Amino acid sequence: MDTIMMLRVACALLGVGALGGLGMVAIRFGKGHNPPAAFAMGHGLLAAAGITLLAYAAFTSTVPSSAWLALVLLLAAAGFGAFLNLGYQWKQRPIPAGLVAAHAGMAVAGFACLLLAAFA
Protein backbone atom coordinates (compact mmCIF):
# COMPACT_ATOMS: atom_id res chain seq x y z
CA MET A 1 0.00 0.00 0.00
CA ASP A 2 1.46 3.36 -0.96
CA THR A 3 1.61 6.39 1.34
CA ILE A 4 -1.31 8.30 -0.13
CA MET A 5 -3.52 5.21 0.11
CA MET A 6 -2.57 4.80 3.79
CA LEU A 7 -3.49 8.44 4.43
CA ARG A 8 -6.81 7.98 2.66
CA VAL A 9 -7.63 4.81 4.60
CA ALA A 10 -6.74 6.68 7.80
CA CYS A 11 -9.21 9.38 6.67
CA ALA A 12 -11.91 6.75 6.22
CA LEU A 13 -11.30 5.20 9.65
CA LEU A 14 -11.27 8.60 11.34
CA GLY A 15 -14.35 9.67 9.39
CA VAL A 16 -16.35 6.70 10.63
CA GLY A 17 -15.01 7.36 14.13
CA ALA A 18 -16.15 10.99 13.79
CA LEU A 19 -19.66 9.82 12.93
CA GLY A 20 -19.60 7.85 16.16
CA GLY A 21 -18.46 10.99 17.95
CA LEU A 22 -21.42 12.91 16.52
CA GLY A 23 -23.71 10.15 17.75
CA MET A 24 -22.19 10.40 21.22
CA VAL A 25 -22.72 14.18 21.23
CA ALA A 26 -26.35 13.63 20.27
CA ILE A 27 -26.81 11.19 23.15
CA ARG A 28 -24.96 13.38 25.66
CA PHE A 29 -26.82 16.59 24.90
CA GLY A 30 -30.07 15.17 23.50
CA LYS A 31 -30.79 12.73 26.29
CA GLY A 32 -28.85 14.44 29.05
CA HIS A 33 -26.58 11.55 29.98
CA ASN A 34 -23.31 10.08 28.77
CA PRO A 35 -23.42 7.59 25.90
CA PRO A 36 -22.98 3.89 26.64
CA ALA A 37 -19.41 2.86 27.39
CA ALA A 38 -19.37 0.45 24.44
CA PHE A 39 -20.20 3.35 22.12
CA ALA A 40 -17.27 5.36 23.48
CA MET A 41 -14.97 2.35 23.16
CA GLY A 42 -15.95 1.81 19.51
CA HIS A 43 -15.36 5.49 18.76
CA GLY A 44 -11.94 5.32 20.39
CA LEU A 45 -11.02 2.08 18.64
CA LEU A 46 -11.78 3.47 15.18
CA ALA A 47 -9.91 6.68 15.93
CA ALA A 48 -6.93 4.74 17.31
CA ALA A 49 -6.83 2.58 14.18
CA GLY A 50 -6.77 5.67 11.97
CA ILE A 51 -4.12 7.38 14.07
CA THR A 52 -1.98 4.25 14.10
CA LEU A 53 -2.11 4.00 10.31
CA LEU A 54 -1.29 7.70 10.01
CA ALA A 55 1.69 7.29 12.36
CA TYR A 56 2.92 4.27 10.43
CA ALA A 57 2.74 6.22 7.16
CA ALA A 58 4.46 9.24 8.71
CA PHE A 59 7.32 7.28 10.26
CA THR A 60 8.00 4.92 7.35
CA SER A 61 7.71 7.20 4.34
CA THR A 62 7.68 10.81 3.27
CA VAL A 63 4.41 12.58 4.01
CA PRO A 64 3.36 16.22 3.64
CA SER A 65 3.90 18.47 6.65
CA SER A 66 0.13 18.70 7.09
CA ALA A 67 0.10 14.95 7.81
CA TRP A 68 2.59 15.50 10.64
CA LEU A 69 0.44 18.31 12.01
CA ALA A 70 -2.59 16.03 11.72
CA LEU A 71 -0.76 13.35 13.69
CA VAL A 72 0.11 15.78 16.50
CA LEU A 73 -3.42 17.19 16.69
CA LEU A 74 -5.09 13.78 16.55
CA LEU A 75 -2.77 12.40 19.24
CA ALA A 76 -3.69 15.37 21.43
CA ALA A 77 -7.38 14.74 20.76
CA ALA A 78 -6.94 11.05 21.57
CA GLY A 79 -5.19 11.83 24.83
CA PHE A 80 -7.92 14.28 25.76
CA GLY A 81 -10.55 11.69 24.80
CA ALA A 82 -8.91 9.17 27.11
CA PHE A 83 -9.04 11.79 29.88
CA LEU A 84 -12.76 12.32 29.22
CA ASN A 85 -13.37 8.59 29.26
CA LEU A 86 -11.47 7.91 32.48
CA GLY A 87 -12.34 11.13 34.28
CA TYR A 88 -16.04 11.28 33.43
CA GLN A 89 -17.41 8.30 31.50
CA TRP A 90 -16.16 5.58 33.85
CA LYS A 91 -17.07 7.61 36.94
CA GLN A 92 -20.55 8.13 35.47
CA ARG A 93 -20.24 11.92 35.70
CA PRO A 94 -21.74 14.03 32.91
CA ILE A 95 -19.07 15.25 30.51
CA PRO A 96 -19.10 19.09 30.42
CA ALA A 97 -19.96 20.73 27.11
CA GLY A 98 -16.75 22.76 27.02
CA LEU A 99 -14.59 19.66 27.31
CA VAL A 100 -16.56 17.92 24.58
CA ALA A 101 -16.08 20.98 22.36
CA ALA A 102 -12.32 21.08 23.07
CA HIS A 103 -11.94 17.38 22.19
CA ALA A 104 -14.01 17.80 19.03
CA GLY A 105 -12.12 20.93 18.00
CA MET A 106 -8.74 19.21 18.22
CA ALA A 107 -10.06 16.21 16.32
CA VAL A 108 -11.70 18.27 13.57
CA ALA A 109 -8.55 20.35 13.08
CA GLY A 110 -6.44 17.19 12.86
CA PHE A 111 -8.89 15.56 10.47
CA ALA A 112 -8.88 18.66 8.23
CA CYS A 113 -5.07 18.58 8.10
CA LEU A 114 -5.17 14.89 7.22
CA LEU A 115 -7.70 15.50 4.44
CA LEU A 116 -5.41 18.18 3.06
CA ALA A 117 -2.46 15.77 3.11
CA ALA A 118 -4.39 12.89 1.57
CA PHE A 119 -6.33 14.69 -1.15
CA ALA A 120 -4.44 17.90 -2.03
C-alpha atoms as a PDB file:
ATOM      1  CA  MET A   1       0.000   0.000   0.000  1.00  0.00           C
ATOM      2  CA  ASP A   2       1.461   3.364  -0.956  1.00  0.00           C
ATOM      3  CA  THR A   3       1.611   6.388   1.343  1.00  0.00           C
ATOM      4  CA  ILE A   4      -1.315   8.301  -0.130  1.00  0.00           C
ATOM      5  CA  MET A   5      -3.520   5.214   0.108  1.00  0.00           C
ATOM      6  CA  MET A   6      -2.569   4.801   3.787  1.00  0.00           C
ATOM      7  CA  LEU A   7      -3.485   8.438   4.426  1.00  0.00           C
ATOM      8  CA  ARG A   8      -6.813   7.976   2.658  1.00  0.00           C
ATOM      9  CA  VAL A   9      -7.633   4.812   4.602  1.00  0.00           C
ATOM     10  CA  ALA A  10      -6.742   6.682   7.797  1.00  0.00           C
ATOM     11  CA  CYS A  11      -9.213   9.379   6.672  1.00  0.00           C
ATOM     12  CA  ALA A  12     -11.910   6.752   6.220  1.00  0.00           C
ATOM     13  CA  LEU A  13     -11.302   5.204   9.651  1.00  0.00           C
ATOM     14  CA  LEU A  14     -11.272   8.596  11.340  1.00  0.00           C
ATOM     15  CA  GLY A  15     -14.354   9.668   9.390  1.00  0.00           C
ATOM     16  CA  VAL A  16     -16.350   6.696  10.633  1.00  0.00           C
ATOM     17  CA  GLY A  17     -15.007   7.359  14.127  1.00  0.00           C
ATOM     18  CA  ALA A  18     -16.146  10.986  13.785  1.00  0.00           C
ATOM     19  CA  LEU A  19     -19.657   9.823  12.926  1.00  0.00           C
ATOM     20  CA  GLY A  20     -19.598   7.853  16.156  1.00  0.00           C
ATOM     21  CA  GLY A  21     -18.464  10.994  17.945  1.00  0.00           C
ATOM     22  CA  LEU A  22     -21.425  12.907  16.516  1.00  0.00           C
ATOM     23  CA  GLY A  23     -23.707  10.145  17.746  1.00  0.00           C
ATOM     24  CA  MET A  24     -22.191  10.397  21.215  1.00  0.00           C
ATOM     25  CA  VAL A  25     -22.719  14.182  21.226  1.00  0.00           C
ATOM     26  CA  ALA A  26     -26.353  13.633  20.268  1.00  0.00           C
ATOM     27  CA  ILE A  27     -26.815  11.187  23.148  1.00  0.00           C
ATOM     28  CA  ARG A  28     -24.962  13.382  25.664  1.00  0.00           C
ATOM     29  CA  PHE A  29     -26.822  16.587  24.897  1.00  0.00           C
ATOM     30  CA  GLY A  30     -30.067  15.167  23.495  1.00  0.00           C
ATOM     31  CA  LYS A  31     -30.794  12.730  26.291  1.00  0.00           C
ATOM     32  CA  GLY A  32     -28.851  14.441  29.051  1.00  0.00           C
ATOM     33  CA  HIS A  33     -26.580  11.548  29.979  1.00  0.00           C
ATOM     34  CA  ASN A  34     -23.313  10.081  28.772  1.00  0.00           C
ATOM     35  CA  PRO A  35     -23.421   7.588  25.896  1.00  0.00           C
ATOM     36  CA  PRO A  36     -22.975   3.887  26.639  1.00  0.00           C
ATOM     37  CA  ALA A  37     -19.405   2.856  27.394  1.00  0.00           C
ATOM     38  CA  ALA A  38     -19.366   0.448  24.441  1.00  0.00           C
ATOM     39  CA  PHE A  39     -20.205   3.345  22.116  1.00  0.00           C
ATOM     40  CA  ALA A  40     -17.271   5.364  23.476  1.00  0.00           C
ATOM     41  CA  MET A  41     -14.968   2.353  23.161  1.00  0.00           C
ATOM     42  CA  GLY A  42     -15.953   1.809  19.513  1.00  0.00           C
ATOM     43  CA  HIS A  43     -15.364   5.488  18.761  1.00  0.00           C
ATOM     44  CA  GLY A  44     -11.942   5.320  20.385  1.00  0.00           C
ATOM     45  CA  LEU A  45     -11.022   2.076  18.644  1.00  0.00           C
ATOM     46  CA  LEU A  46     -11.781   3.467  15.185  1.00  0.00           C
ATOM     47  CA  ALA A  47      -9.909   6.677  15.930  1.00  0.00           C
ATOM     48  CA  ALA A  48      -6.935   4.743  17.307  1.00  0.00           C
ATOM     49  CA  ALA A  49      -6.831   2.578  14.180  1.00  0.00           C
ATOM     50  CA  GLY A  50      -6.772   5.668  11.965  1.00  0.00           C
ATOM     51  CA  ILE A  51      -4.118   7.385  14.075  1.00  0.00           C
ATOM     52  CA  THR A  52      -1.980   4.250  14.104  1.00  0.00           C
ATOM     53  CA  LEU A  53      -2.106   3.998  10.315  1.00  0.00           C
ATOM     54  CA  LEU A  54      -1.288   7.700  10.010  1.00  0.00           C
ATOM     55  CA  ALA A  55       1.687   7.291  12.364  1.00  0.00           C
ATOM     56  CA  TYR A  56       2.924   4.265  10.425  1.00  0.00           C
ATOM     57  CA  ALA A  57       2.743   6.220   7.165  1.00  0.00           C
ATOM     58  CA  ALA A  58       4.462   9.238   8.708  1.00  0.00           C
ATOM     59  CA  PHE A  59       7.318   7.279  10.256  1.00  0.00           C
ATOM     60  CA  THR A  60       7.999   4.920   7.352  1.00  0.00           C
ATOM     61  CA  SER A  61       7.715   7.199   4.338  1.00  0.00           C
ATOM     62  CA  THR A  62       7.682  10.809   3.265  1.00  0.00           C
ATOM     63  CA  VAL A  63       4.409  12.577   4.007  1.00  0.00           C
ATOM     64  CA  PRO A  64       3.361  16.219   3.637  1.00  0.00           C
ATOM     65  CA  SER A  65       3.901  18.470   6.650  1.00  0.00           C
ATOM     66  CA  SER A  66       0.129  18.703   7.086  1.00  0.00           C
ATOM     67  CA  ALA A  67       0.102  14.953   7.815  1.00  0.00           C
ATOM     68  CA  TRP A  68       2.594  15.498  10.642  1.00  0.00           C
ATOM     69  CA  LEU A  69       0.443  18.311  12.009  1.00  0.00           C
ATOM     70  CA  ALA A  70      -2.592  16.034  11.725  1.00  0.00           C
ATOM     71  CA  LEU A  71      -0.765  13.352  13.692  1.00  0.00           C
ATOM     72  CA  VAL A  72       0.106  15.775  16.502  1.00  0.00           C
ATOM     73  CA  LEU A  73      -3.424  17.194  16.690  1.00  0.00           C
ATOM     74  CA  LEU A  74      -5.085  13.779  16.552  1.00  0.00           C
ATOM     75  CA  LEU A  75      -2.765  12.399  19.235  1.00  0.00           C
ATOM     76  CA  ALA A  76      -3.686  15.371  21.428  1.00  0.00           C
ATOM     77  CA  ALA A  77      -7.384  14.742  20.764  1.00  0.00           C
ATOM     78  CA  ALA A  78      -6.940  11.052  21.567  1.00  0.00           C
ATOM     79  CA  GLY A  79      -5.189  11.829  24.830  1.00  0.00           C
ATOM     80  CA  PHE A  80      -7.925  14.275  25.756  1.00  0.00           C
ATOM     81  CA  GLY A  81     -10.555  11.689  24.795  1.00  0.00           C
ATOM     82  CA  ALA A  82      -8.909   9.168  27.110  1.00  0.00           C
ATOM     83  CA  PHE A  83      -9.037  11.791  29.876  1.00  0.00           C
ATOM     84  CA  LEU A  84     -12.758  12.318  29.222  1.00  0.00           C
ATOM     85  CA  ASN A  85     -13.365   8.585  29.262  1.00  0.00           C
ATOM     86  CA  LEU A  86     -11.467   7.907  32.478  1.00  0.00           C
ATOM     87  CA  GLY A  87     -12.341  11.129  34.276  1.00  0.00           C
ATOM     88  CA  TYR A  88     -16.041  11.277  33.431  1.00  0.00           C
ATOM     89  CA  GLN A  89     -17.411   8.299  31.500  1.00  0.00           C
ATOM     90  CA  TRP A  90     -16.164   5.580  33.850  1.00  0.00           C
ATOM     91  CA  LYS A  91     -17.070   7.612  36.944  1.00  0.00           C
ATOM     92  CA  GLN A  92     -20.550   8.128  35.465  1.00  0.00           C
ATOM     93  CA  ARG A  93     -20.241  11.916  35.703  1.00  0.00           C
ATOM     94  CA  PRO A  94     -21.743  14.035  32.908  1.00  0.00           C
ATOM     95  CA  ILE A  95     -19.074  15.254  30.506  1.00  0.00           C
ATOM     96  CA  PRO A  96     -19.098  19.086  30.423  1.00  0.00           C
ATOM     97  CA  ALA A  97     -19.956  20.726  27.112  1.00  0.00           C
ATOM     98  CA  GLY A  98     -16.745  22.763  27.020  1.00  0.00           C
ATOM     99  CA  LEU A  99     -14.586  19.657  27.312  1.00  0.00           C
ATOM    100  CA  VAL A 100     -16.555  17.916  24.576  1.00  0.00           C
ATOM    101  CA  ALA A 101     -16.077  20.982  22.358  1.00  0.00           C
ATOM    102  CA  ALA A 102     -12.321  21.077  23.066  1.00  0.00           C
ATOM    103  CA  HIS A 103     -11.938  17.384  22.190  1.00  0.00           C
ATOM    104  CA  ALA A 104     -14.005  17.798  19.033  1.00  0.00           C
ATOM    105  CA  GLY A 105     -12.120  20.933  17.999  1.00  0.00           C
ATOM    106  CA  MET A 106      -8.744  19.214  18.215  1.00  0.00           C
ATOM    107  CA  ALA A 107     -10.061  16.206  16.318  1.00  0.00           C
ATOM    108  CA  VAL A 108     -11.703  18.268  13.574  1.00  0.00           C
ATOM    109  CA  ALA A 109      -8.551  20.350  13.083  1.00  0.00           C
ATOM    110  CA  GLY A 110      -6.436  17.195  12.856  1.00  0.00           C
ATOM    111  CA  PHE A 111      -8.892  15.562  10.471  1.00  0.00           C
ATOM    112  CA  ALA A 112      -8.880  18.659   8.233  1.00  0.00           C
ATOM    113  CA  CYS A 113      -5.070  18.582   8.096  1.00  0.00           C
ATOM    114  CA  LEU A 114      -5.166  14.893   7.216  1.00  0.00           C
ATOM    115  CA  LEU A 115      -7.705  15.496   4.445  1.00  0.00           C
ATOM    116  CA  LEU A 116      -5.410  18.183   3.061  1.00  0.00           C
ATOM    117  CA  ALA A 117      -2.457  15.774   3.107  1.00  0.00           C
ATOM    118  CA  ALA A 118      -4.386  12.887   1.571  1.00  0.00           C
ATOM    119  CA  PHE A 119      -6.329  14.694  -1.148  1.00  0.00           C
ATOM    120  CA  ALA A 120      -4.441  17.900  -2.035  1.00  0.00           C
END
